[in-house]
């Protein structure tokens, strides 16, 4: 039997049952299992909230503000994986499961209760991403039930020109889209999707940009006169140009 250190008041069984080292941020709790775990119940959200409820940087930031109402932590935050690993294992399906559980607990007659019925019927009837007109093989039916924009609106480089249904094109593993085909180089309507940088609306455009590209009569909206579709820094007739 392994004896507890003489300086510790922690029960012997806690030293024997520990599944691994806590992350660096939680290491100070290594001898206090009860601060997170409840006998017979496991980890309860209330114990996490008691420490993190005043984390304004987390709760006031748009991408992470959902933590204020999610009411569940262990699906994405996994501890005892070692000192050097962050206790974060993002799982969009788990996030969808938590959301569905919250909907099931919605008060009768509320908007959330109505939403719960719709979602329940959707999955009961075998519905899924395949039945959407924007079927995306990169996401699962559960992930398709998530509102991507509620967390990722600040990362929308399209400036809402394509709406808020990120999942119609993007997957959950990465932002890049392997199937994306850029319009042909002869396209002249670049500004439909791309916004020129602030420098192009200053004297910098006339003094530097137009001279480098040898396009003295180019307008800011005529991206195609200087840029190529391979990369913004691939300038026609010049090649790769690194300005800064």
Foldseek 3Di string as FASTA:
>chain_A
DDDDDPVAPADPVLVVPQLAQWEQVCNVCSRPLVLAQDPPPGGALVSVCVPCVPVCVQCVDQQRVCVNPLRDDCVAFQTRPDHHDGRGHDDLLSSLVSLLVVLVPDDPPDPSVVVNVVVVVCVVVVHALVPDPLRDPQETRSSQPDQVCSNCVVVPLQVCLVHRNQVSAAHDVDRDGPPDDDPDLPDFQVVSRDDQDPCCVDCCCQPPVCVQLVNNPDHSSRQSSFAGPVDRQQGPPRGRDDDD
